[in-house]
Amino acid sequence: MLTHVNYKTGYMYDMQALTALSHECGALSLWDLAHS
């Protein structure tokens, strides 16, 4: 469970890469897009 753009720093995750990593490990991905 991640926020795409961090509300403090403005850091933006690579959504596609992290979703793929989550799926490789058998986890589901949940994205908060409030700041993006």
PDB file of all heavy atoms in Angstrom:
ATOM      1  N   MET A   1       0.854  -1.190   0.000  1.00  0.00           N
ATOM      2  CA  MET A   1       0.000   0.000   0.000  1.00  0.00           C
ATOM      3  C   MET A   1       0.890   1.240   0.000  1.00  0.00           C
ATOM      4  O   MET A   1       1.510   1.578   1.000  1.00  0.00           O
ATOM      5  CB  MET A   1      -0.890  -0.020   1.253  1.00  0.00           C
ATOM      6  CG  MET A   1      -1.800   1.177   1.411  1.00  0.00           C
ATOM      7  SD  MET A   1      -2.702   1.149   2.994  1.00  0.00           S
ATOM      8  CE  MET A   1      -1.385   1.617   4.157  1.00  0.00           C
ATOM      9  N   LEU A   2       0.944   1.922  -1.140  1.00  0.00           N
ATOM     10  CA  LEU A   2       1.839   3.058  -1.282  1.00  0.00           C
ATOM     11  C   LEU A   2       1.104   4.257  -1.871  1.00  0.00           C
ATOM     12  O   LEU A   2       0.140   4.101  -2.625  1.00  0.00           O
ATOM     13  CB  LEU A   2       3.019   2.712  -2.197  1.00  0.00           C
ATOM     14  CG  LEU A   2       3.978   1.631  -1.684  1.00  0.00           C
ATOM     15  CD1 LEU A   2       4.932   1.226  -2.792  1.00  0.00           C
ATOM     16  CD2 LEU A   2       4.744   2.118  -0.451  1.00  0.00           C
ATOM     17  N   THR A   3       1.599   5.445  -1.537  1.00  0.00           N
ATOM     18  CA  THR A   3       1.133   6.665  -2.184  1.00  0.00           C
ATOM     19  C   THR A   3       2.081   6.978  -3.335  1.00  0.00           C
ATOM     20  O   THR A   3       3.301   7.020  -3.145  1.00  0.00           O
ATOM     21  CB  THR A   3       1.068   7.831  -1.182  1.00  0.00           C
ATOM     22  OG1 THR A   3       0.106   7.516  -0.181  1.00  0.00           O
ATOM     23  CG2 THR A   3       0.675   9.117  -1.876  1.00  0.00           C
ATOM     24  N   HIS A   4       1.529   7.172  -4.511  1.00  0.00           N
ATOM     25  CA  HIS A   4       2.322   7.336  -5.726  1.00  0.00           C
ATOM     26  C   HIS A   4       3.326   8.475  -5.597  1.00  0.00           C
ATOM     27  O   HIS A   4       4.504   8.333  -5.961  1.00  0.00           O
ATOM     28  CB  HIS A   4       1.368   7.584  -6.901  1.00  0.00           C
ATOM     29  CG  HIS A   4       2.022   7.590  -8.227  1.00  0.00           C
ATOM     30  ND1 HIS A   4       1.508   8.299  -9.291  1.00  0.00           N
ATOM     31  CD2 HIS A   4       3.139   6.996  -8.699  1.00  0.00           C
ATOM     32  CE1 HIS A   4       2.277   8.128 -10.343  1.00  0.00           C
ATOM     33  NE2 HIS A   4       3.276   7.348 -10.021  1.00  0.00           N
ATOM     34  N   VAL A   5       2.875   9.632  -5.091  1.00  0.00           N
ATOM     35  CA  VAL A   5       3.761  10.769  -4.827  1.00  0.00           C
ATOM     36  C   VAL A   5       3.699  11.078  -3.341  1.00  0.00           C
ATOM     37  O   VAL A   5       2.625  11.338  -2.797  1.00  0.00           O
ATOM     38  CB  VAL A   5       3.356  12.007  -5.647  1.00  0.00           C
ATOM     39  CG1 VAL A   5       4.174  13.227  -5.224  1.00  0.00           C
ATOM     40  CG2 VAL A   5       3.540  11.748  -7.139  1.00  0.00           C
ATOM     41  N   ASN A   6       4.845  11.024  -2.685  1.00  0.00           N
ATOM     42  CA  ASN A   6       4.911  11.249  -1.244  1.00  0.00           C
ATOM     43  C   ASN A   6       4.468  12.663  -0.898  1.00  0.00           C
ATOM     44  O   ASN A   6       4.937  13.641  -1.489  1.00  0.00           O
ATOM     45  CB  ASN A   6       6.333  11.010  -0.747  1.00  0.00           C
ATOM     46  CG  ASN A   6       6.456  11.102   0.760  1.00  0.00           C
ATOM     47  OD1 ASN A   6       6.547  12.194   1.314  1.00  0.00           O
ATOM     48  ND2 ASN A   6       6.465   9.961   1.422  1.00  0.00           N
ATOM     49  N   TYR A   7       3.576  12.767   0.082  1.00  0.00           N
ATOM     50  CA  TYR A   7       2.990  14.070   0.391  1.00  0.00           C
ATOM     51  C   TYR A   7       3.989  15.045   0.989  1.00  0.00           C
ATOM     52  O   TYR A   7       3.810  16.268   0.904  1.00  0.00           O
ATOM     53  CB  TYR A   7       1.778  13.899   1.318  1.00  0.00           C
ATOM     54  CG  TYR A   7       2.090  13.745   2.790  1.00  0.00           C
ATOM     55  CD1 TYR A   7       1.912  14.800   3.686  1.00  0.00           C
ATOM     56  CD2 TYR A   7       2.553  12.540   3.308  1.00  0.00           C
ATOM     57  CE1 TYR A   7       2.180  14.658   5.030  1.00  0.00           C
ATOM     58  CE2 TYR A   7       2.816  12.385   4.653  1.00  0.00           C
ATOM     59  CZ  TYR A   7       2.638  13.446   5.525  1.00  0.00           C
ATOM     60  OH  TYR A   7       2.906  13.292   6.858  1.00  0.00           O
ATOM     61  N   LYS A   8       5.040  14.545   1.606  1.00  0.00           N
ATOM     62  CA  LYS A   8       6.047  15.439   2.192  1.00  0.00           C
ATOM     63  C   LYS A   8       7.116  15.821   1.179  1.00  0.00           C
ATOM     64  O   LYS A   8       7.363  17.000   0.923  1.00  0.00           O
ATOM     65  CB  LYS A   8       6.714  14.766   3.398  1.00  0.00           C
ATOM     66  CG  LYS A   8       5.849  14.647   4.635  1.00  0.00           C
ATOM     67  CD  LYS A   8       6.667  14.082   5.786  1.00  0.00           C
ATOM     68  CE  LYS A   8       5.849  13.990   7.055  1.00  0.00           C
ATOM     69  NZ  LYS A   8       6.649  13.484   8.199  1.00  0.00           N
ATOM     70  N   THR A   9       7.747  14.818   0.606  1.00  0.00           N
ATOM     71  CA  THR A   9       8.952  15.072  -0.195  1.00  0.00           C
ATOM     72  C   THR A   9       8.678  15.312  -1.671  1.00  0.00           C
ATOM     73  O   THR A   9       9.528  15.863  -2.376  1.00  0.00           O
ATOM     74  CB  THR A   9       9.914  13.879  -0.091  1.00  0.00           C
ATOM     75  OG1 THR A   9       9.292  12.725  -0.694  1.00  0.00           O
ATOM     76  CG2 THR A   9      10.248  13.574   1.369  1.00  0.00           C
ATOM     77  N   GLY A  10       7.525  14.853  -2.166  1.00  0.00           N
ATOM     78  CA  GLY A  10       7.277  14.916  -3.598  1.00  0.00           C
ATOM     79  C   GLY A  10       7.931  13.784  -4.368  1.00  0.00           C
ATOM     80  O   GLY A  10       7.892  13.767  -5.603  1.00  0.00           O
ATOM     81  N   TYR A  11       8.520  12.803  -3.657  1.00  0.00           N
ATOM     82  CA  TYR A  11       9.127  11.639  -4.325  1.00  0.00           C
ATOM     83  C   TYR A  11       8.043  10.831  -5.021  1.00  0.00           C
ATOM     84  O   TYR A  11       7.010  10.521  -4.432  1.00  0.00           O
ATOM     85  CB  TYR A  11       9.855  10.765  -3.299  1.00  0.00           C
ATOM     86  CG  TYR A  11      10.487   9.525  -3.892  1.00  0.00           C
ATOM     87  CD1 TYR A  11      11.813   9.532  -4.299  1.00  0.00           C
ATOM     88  CD2 TYR A  11       9.752   8.348  -4.063  1.00  0.00           C
ATOM     89  CE1 TYR A  11      12.406   8.404  -4.857  1.00  0.00           C
ATOM     90  CE2 TYR A  11      10.330   7.212  -4.614  1.00  0.00           C
ATOM     91  CZ  TYR A  11      11.651   7.250  -5.008  1.00  0.00           C
ATOM     92  OH  TYR A  11      12.216   6.127  -5.564  1.00  0.00           O
ATOM     93  N   MET A  12       8.281  10.469  -6.275  1.00  0.00           N
ATOM     94  CA  MET A  12       7.311   9.696  -7.044  1.00  0.00           C
ATOM     95  C   MET A  12       7.855   8.299  -7.325  1.00  0.00           C
ATOM     96  O   MET A  12       8.951   8.130  -7.858  1.00  0.00           O
ATOM     97  CB  MET A  12       6.982  10.401  -8.364  1.00  0.00           C
ATOM     98  CG  MET A  12       5.924   9.675  -9.187  1.00  0.00           C
ATOM     99  SD  MET A  12       5.288  10.660 -10.567  1.00  0.00           S
ATOM    100  CE  MET A  12       6.757  10.737 -11.615  1.00  0.00           C
ATOM    101  N   TYR A  13       7.054   7.312  -6.954  1.00  0.00           N
ATOM    102  CA  TYR A  13       7.428   5.923  -7.195  1.00  0.00           C
ATOM    103  C   TYR A  13       7.255   5.549  -8.670  1.00  0.00           C
ATOM    104  O   TYR A  13       6.420   6.117  -9.372  1.00  0.00           O
ATOM    105  CB  TYR A  13       6.557   4.993  -6.363  1.00  0.00           C
ATOM    106  CG  TYR A  13       6.982   4.872  -4.921  1.00  0.00           C
ATOM    107  CD1 TYR A  13       6.254   5.475  -3.908  1.00  0.00           C
ATOM    108  CD2 TYR A  13       8.109   4.124  -4.562  1.00  0.00           C
ATOM    109  CE1 TYR A  13       6.636   5.355  -2.578  1.00  0.00           C
ATOM    110  CE2 TYR A  13       8.498   4.000  -3.242  1.00  0.00           C
ATOM    111  CZ  TYR A  13       7.756   4.611  -2.251  1.00  0.00           C
ATOM    112  OH  TYR A  13       8.137   4.491  -0.936  1.00  0.00           O
ATOM    113  N   ASP A  14       8.024   4.566  -9.096  1.00  0.00           N
ATOM    114  CA  ASP A  14       7.816   3.919 -10.390  1.00  0.00           C
ATOM    115  C   ASP A  14       6.692   2.897 -10.181  1.00  0.00           C
ATOM    116  O   ASP A  14       6.935   1.784  -9.706  1.00  0.00           O
ATOM    117  CB  ASP A  14       9.105   3.243 -10.845  1.00  0.00           C
ATOM    118  CG  ASP A  14       8.988   2.614 -12.228  1.00  0.00           C
ATOM    119  OD1 ASP A  14       7.858   2.227 -12.614  1.00  0.00           O
ATOM    120  OD2 ASP A  14      10.024   2.472 -12.906  1.00  0.00           O
ATOM    121  N   MET A  15       5.470   3.286 -10.519  1.00  0.00           N
ATOM    122  CA  MET A  15       4.311   2.450 -10.232  1.00  0.00           C
ATOM    123  C   MET A  15       4.410   1.091 -10.921  1.00  0.00           C
ATOM    124  O   MET A  15       4.115   0.051 -10.324  1.00  0.00           O
ATOM    125  CB  MET A  15       3.023   3.164 -10.656  1.00  0.00           C
ATOM    126  CG  MET A  15       1.762   2.387 -10.316  1.00  0.00           C
ATOM    127  SD  MET A  15       0.257   3.160 -10.962  1.00  0.00           S
ATOM    128  CE  MET A  15       0.173   4.640  -9.945  1.00  0.00           C
ATOM    129  N   GLN A  16       4.826   1.100 -12.165  1.00  0.00           N
ATOM    130  CA  GLN A  16       4.866  -0.149 -12.914  1.00  0.00           C
ATOM    131  C   GLN A  16       5.904  -1.112 -12.328  1.00  0.00           C
ATOM    132  O   GLN A  16       5.628  -2.306 -12.148  1.00  0.00           O
ATOM    133  CB  GLN A  16       5.179   0.131 -14.387  1.00  0.00           C
ATOM    134  CG  GLN A  16       5.061  -1.099 -15.273  1.00  0.00           C
ATOM    135  CD  GLN A  16       5.022  -0.743 -16.755  1.00  0.00           C
ATOM    136  OE1 GLN A  16       4.924   0.425 -17.121  1.00  0.00           O
ATOM    137  NE2 GLN A  16       5.075  -1.741 -17.608  1.00  0.00           N
ATOM    138  N   ALA A  17       7.076  -0.598 -11.998  1.00  0.00           N
ATOM    139  CA  ALA A  17       8.138  -1.458 -11.457  1.00  0.00           C
ATOM    140  C   ALA A  17       7.762  -2.017 -10.099  1.00  0.00           C
ATOM    141  O   ALA A  17       7.982  -3.212  -9.823  1.00  0.00           O
ATOM    142  CB  ALA A  17       9.447  -0.678 -11.370  1.00  0.00           C
ATOM    143  N   LEU A  18       7.188  -1.189  -9.235  1.00  0.00           N
ATOM    144  CA  LEU A  18       6.843  -1.664  -7.897  1.00  0.00           C
ATOM    145  C   LEU A  18       5.643  -2.596  -7.909  1.00  0.00           C
ATOM    146  O   LEU A  18       5.565  -3.531  -7.111  1.00  0.00           O
ATOM    147  CB  LEU A  18       6.590  -0.476  -6.965  1.00  0.00           C
ATOM    148  CG  LEU A  18       7.860   0.036  -6.300  1.00  0.00           C
ATOM    149  CD1 LEU A  18       7.622   1.381  -5.645  1.00  0.00           C
ATOM    150  CD2 LEU A  18       8.356  -0.966  -5.266  1.00  0.00           C
ATOM    151  N   THR A  19       4.720  -2.342  -8.817  1.00  0.00           N
ATOM    152  CA  THR A  19       3.598  -3.272  -8.951  1.00  0.00           C
ATOM    153  C   THR A  19       4.101  -4.630  -9.428  1.00  0.00           C
ATOM    154  O   THR A  19       3.680  -5.678  -8.912  1.00  0.00           O
ATOM    155  CB  THR A  19       2.548  -2.708  -9.920  1.00  0.00           C
ATOM    156  OG1 THR A  19       2.021  -1.487  -9.377  1.00  0.00           O
ATOM    157  CG2 THR A  19       1.406  -3.682 -10.128  1.00  0.00           C
ATOM    158  N   ALA A  20       5.007  -4.619 -10.384  1.00  0.00           N
ATOM    159  CA  ALA A  20       5.581  -5.881 -10.871  1.00  0.00           C
ATOM    160  C   ALA A  20       6.317  -6.612  -9.760  1.00  0.00           C
ATOM    161  O   ALA A  20       6.191  -7.840  -9.612  1.00  0.00           O
ATOM    162  CB  ALA A  20       6.521  -5.608 -12.043  1.00  0.00           C
ATOM    163  N   LEU A  21       7.080  -5.881  -8.962  1.00  0.00           N
ATOM    164  CA  LEU A  21       7.787  -6.486  -7.834  1.00  0.00           C
ATOM    165  C   LEU A  21       6.808  -7.099  -6.843  1.00  0.00           C
ATOM    166  O   LEU A  21       7.011  -8.222  -6.358  1.00  0.00           O
ATOM    167  CB  LEU A  21       8.650  -5.430  -7.141  1.00  0.00           C
ATOM    168  CG  LEU A  21       9.371  -5.874  -5.866  1.00  0.00           C
ATOM    169  CD1 LEU A  21      10.383  -6.972  -6.182  1.00  0.00           C
ATOM    170  CD2 LEU A  21      10.062  -4.685  -5.194  1.00  0.00           C
ATOM    171  N   SER A  22       5.719  -6.370  -6.550  1.00  0.00           N
ATOM    172  CA  SER A  22       4.706  -6.892  -5.634  1.00  0.00           C
ATOM    173  C   SER A  22       4.107  -8.185  -6.167  1.00  0.00           C
ATOM    174  O   SER A  22       3.954  -9.173  -5.428  1.00  0.00           O
ATOM    175  CB  SER A  22       3.603  -5.839  -5.424  1.00  0.00           C
ATOM    176  OG  SER A  22       4.129  -4.643  -4.901  1.00  0.00           O
ATOM    177  N   HIS A  23       3.778  -8.189  -7.440  1.00  0.00           N
ATOM    178  CA  HIS A  23       3.165  -9.372  -8.046  1.00  0.00           C
ATOM    179  C   HIS A  23       4.124 -10.563  -8.076  1.00  0.00           C
ATOM    180  O   HIS A  23       3.712 -11.711  -7.858  1.00  0.00           O
ATOM    181  CB  HIS A  23       2.673  -9.053  -9.449  1.00  0.00           C
ATOM    182  CG  HIS A  23       1.486  -8.140  -9.464  1.00  0.00           C
ATOM    183  ND1 HIS A  23       1.007  -7.559 -10.620  1.00  0.00           N
ATOM    184  CD2 HIS A  23       0.671  -7.698  -8.466  1.00  0.00           C
ATOM    185  CE1 HIS A  23      -0.053  -6.812 -10.325  1.00  0.00           C
ATOM    186  NE2 HIS A  23      -0.266  -6.877  -9.035  1.00  0.00           N
ATOM    187  N   GLU A  24       5.396 -10.283  -8.331  1.00  0.00           N
ATOM    188  CA  GLU A  24       6.395 -11.365  -8.323  1.00  0.00           C
ATOM    189  C   GLU A  24       6.452 -12.053  -6.968  1.00  0.00           C
ATOM    190  O   GLU A  24       6.703 -13.262  -6.885  1.00  0.00           O
ATOM    191  CB  GLU A  24       7.778 -10.797  -8.659  1.00  0.00           C
ATOM    192  CG  GLU A  24       7.966 -10.433 -10.120  1.00  0.00           C
ATOM    193  CD  GLU A  24       9.257  -9.665 -10.348  1.00  0.00           C
ATOM    194  OE1 GLU A  24      10.103  -9.659  -9.424  1.00  0.00           O
ATOM    195  OE2 GLU A  24       9.410  -9.054 -11.430  1.00  0.00           O
ATOM    196  N   CYS A  25       6.202 -11.276  -5.919  1.00  0.00           N
ATOM    197  CA  CYS A  25       6.243 -11.818  -4.562  1.00  0.00           C
ATOM    198  C   CYS A  25       4.877 -12.312  -4.091  1.00  0.00           C
ATOM    199  O   CYS A  25       4.724 -12.722  -2.937  1.00  0.00           O
ATOM    200  CB  CYS A  25       6.776 -10.761  -3.596  1.00  0.00           C
ATOM    201  SG  CYS A  25       8.475 -10.258  -3.946  1.00  0.00           S
ATOM    202  N   GLY A  26       3.868 -12.239  -4.966  1.00  0.00           N
ATOM    203  CA  GLY A  26       2.548 -12.737  -4.612  1.00  0.00           C
ATOM    204  C   GLY A  26       1.666 -11.755  -3.881  1.00  0.00           C
ATOM    205  O   GLY A  26       0.606 -12.129  -3.361  1.00  0.00           O
ATOM    206  N   ALA A  27       2.078 -10.483  -3.824  1.00  0.00           N
ATOM    207  CA  ALA A  27       1.300  -9.461  -3.124  1.00  0.00           C
ATOM    208  C   ALA A  27       0.446  -8.675  -4.116  1.00  0.00           C
ATOM    209  O   ALA A  27       0.734  -8.623  -5.318  1.00  0.00           O
ATOM    210  CB  ALA A  27       2.225  -8.507  -2.375  1.00  0.00           C
ATOM    211  N   LEU A  28      -0.603  -8.050  -3.616  1.00  0.00           N
ATOM    212  CA  LEU A  28      -1.438  -7.143  -4.401  1.00  0.00           C
ATOM    213  C   LEU A  28      -0.954  -5.718  -4.188  1.00  0.00           C
ATOM    214  O   LEU A  28      -0.439  -5.374  -3.115  1.00  0.00           O
ATOM    215  CB  LEU A  28      -2.902  -7.277  -3.989  1.00  0.00           C
ATOM    216  CG  LEU A  28      -3.577  -8.618  -4.307  1.00  0.00           C
ATOM    217  CD1 LEU A  28      -4.975  -8.669  -3.694  1.00  0.00           C
ATOM    218  CD2 LEU A  28      -3.646  -8.851  -5.812  1.00  0.00           C
ATOM    219  N   SER A  29      -1.148  -4.875  -5.208  1.00  0.00           N
ATOM    220  CA  SER A  29      -0.695  -3.484  -5.122  1.00  0.00           C
ATOM    221  C   SER A  29      -1.883  -2.542  -4.971  1.00  0.00           C
ATOM    222  O   SER A  29      -2.869  -2.657  -5.694  1.00  0.00           O
ATOM    223  CB  SER A  29       0.117  -3.097  -6.358  1.00  0.00           C
ATOM    224  OG  SER A  29      -0.704  -3.074  -7.509  1.00  0.00           O
ATOM    225  N   LEU A  30      -1.761  -1.618  -4.047  1.00  0.00           N
ATOM    226  CA  LEU A  30      -2.801  -0.622  -3.778  1.00  0.00           C
ATOM    227  C   LEU A  30      -2.129   0.749  -3.810  1.00  0.00           C
ATOM    228  O   LEU A  30      -1.210   1.011  -3.032  1.00  0.00           O
ATOM    229  CB  LEU A  30      -3.428  -0.894  -2.407  1.00  0.00           C
ATOM    230  CG  LEU A  30      -4.729  -0.196  -2.038  1.00  0.00           C
ATOM    231  CD1 LEU A  30      -5.308  -0.810  -0.753  1.00  0.00           C
ATOM    232  CD2 LEU A  30      -4.584   1.305  -1.834  1.00  0.00           C
ATOM    233  N   TRP A  31      -2.615   1.612  -4.687  1.00  0.00           N
ATOM    234  CA  TRP A  31      -1.984   2.921  -4.889  1.00  0.00           C
ATOM    235  C   TRP A  31      -2.918   4.052  -4.475  1.00  0.00           C
ATOM    236  O   TRP A  31      -4.067   4.100  -4.893  1.00  0.00           O
ATOM    237  CB  TRP A  31      -1.586   3.109  -6.357  1.00  0.00           C
ATOM    238  CG  TRP A  31      -0.459   2.210  -6.750  1.00  0.00           C
ATOM    239  CD1 TRP A  31      -0.549   0.987  -7.357  1.00  0.00           C
ATOM    240  CD2 TRP A  31       0.936   2.455  -6.537  1.00  0.00           C
ATOM    241  NE1 TRP A  31       0.703   0.458  -7.531  1.00  0.00           N
ATOM    242  CE2 TRP A  31       1.638   1.337  -7.041  1.00  0.00           C
ATOM    243  CE3 TRP A  31       1.650   3.510  -5.960  1.00  0.00           C
ATOM    244  CZ2 TRP A  31       3.028   1.253  -6.995  1.00  0.00           C
ATOM    245  CZ3 TRP A  31       3.033   3.422  -5.911  1.00  0.00           C
ATOM    246  CH2 TRP A  31       3.709   2.296  -6.419  1.00  0.00           C
ATOM    247  N   ASP A  32      -2.382   4.963  -3.667  1.00  0.00           N
ATOM    248  CA  ASP A  32      -3.066   6.200  -3.320  1.00  0.00           C
ATOM    249  C   ASP A  32      -2.563   7.274  -4.281  1.00  0.00           C
ATOM    250  O   ASP A  32      -1.370   7.590  -4.306  1.00  0.00           O
ATOM    251  CB  ASP A  32      -2.753   6.576  -1.864  1.00  0.00           C
ATOM    252  CG  ASP A  32      -3.488   7.825  -1.393  1.00  0.00           C
ATOM    253  OD1 ASP A  32      -3.917   8.624  -2.244  1.00  0.00           O
ATOM    254  OD2 ASP A  32      -3.615   8.007  -0.178  1.00  0.00           O
ATOM    255  N   LEU A  33      -3.485   7.831  -5.066  1.00  0.00           N
ATOM    256  CA  LEU A  33      -3.135   8.805  -6.098  1.00  0.00           C
ATOM    257  C   LEU A  33      -3.454  10.241  -5.682  1.00  0.00           C
ATOM    258  O   LEU A  33      -3.555  11.125  -6.535  1.00  0.00           O
ATOM    259  CB  LEU A  33      -3.880   8.467  -7.398  1.00  0.00           C
ATOM    260  CG  LEU A  33      -3.750   7.027  -7.910  1.00  0.00           C
ATOM    261  CD1 LEU A  33      -4.553   6.857  -9.203  1.00  0.00           C
ATOM    262  CD2 LEU A  33      -2.289   6.649  -8.127  1.00  0.00           C
ATOM    263  N   ALA A  34      -3.602  10.478  -4.382  1.00  0.00           N
ATOM    264  CA  ALA A  34      -4.048  11.790  -3.911  1.00  0.00           C
ATOM    265  C   ALA A  34      -3.157  12.922  -4.397  1.00  0.00           C
ATOM    266  O   ALA A  34      -3.642  14.007  -4.721  1.00  0.00           O
ATOM    267  CB  ALA A  34      -4.128  11.804  -2.383  1.00  0.00           C
ATOM    268  N   HIS A  35      -1.846  12.694  -4.438  1.00  0.00           N
ATOM    269  CA  HIS A  35      -0.919  13.758  -4.827  1.00  0.00           C
ATOM    270  C   HIS A  35      -0.386  13.597  -6.238  1.00  0.00           C
ATOM    271  O   HIS A  35       0.607  14.230  -6.615  1.00  0.00           O
ATOM    272  CB  HIS A  35       0.232  13.834  -3.821  1.00  0.00           C
ATOM    273  CG  HIS A  35      -0.170  14.434  -2.511  1.00  0.00           C
ATOM    274  ND1 HIS A  35      -0.727  13.683  -1.496  1.00  0.00           N
ATOM    275  CD2 HIS A  35      -0.150  15.704  -2.063  1.00  0.00           C
ATOM    276  CE1 HIS A  35      -1.004  14.477  -0.478  1.00  0.00           C
ATOM    277  NE2 HIS A  35      -0.674  15.700  -0.794  1.00  0.00           N
ATOM    278  N   SER A  36      -1.053  12.751  -7.026  1.00  0.00           N
ATOM    279  CA  SER A  36      -0.596  12.583  -8.410  1.00  0.00           C
ATOM    280  C   SER A  36      -1.717  12.694  -9.438  1.00  0.00           C
ATOM    281  O   SER A  36      -1.460  13.106 -10.573  1.00  0.00           O
ATOM    282  CB  SER A  36       0.137  11.248  -8.575  1.00  0.00           C
ATOM    283  OG  SER A  36      -0.618  10.160  -8.090  1.00  0.00           O
TER     284      SER A  36
END
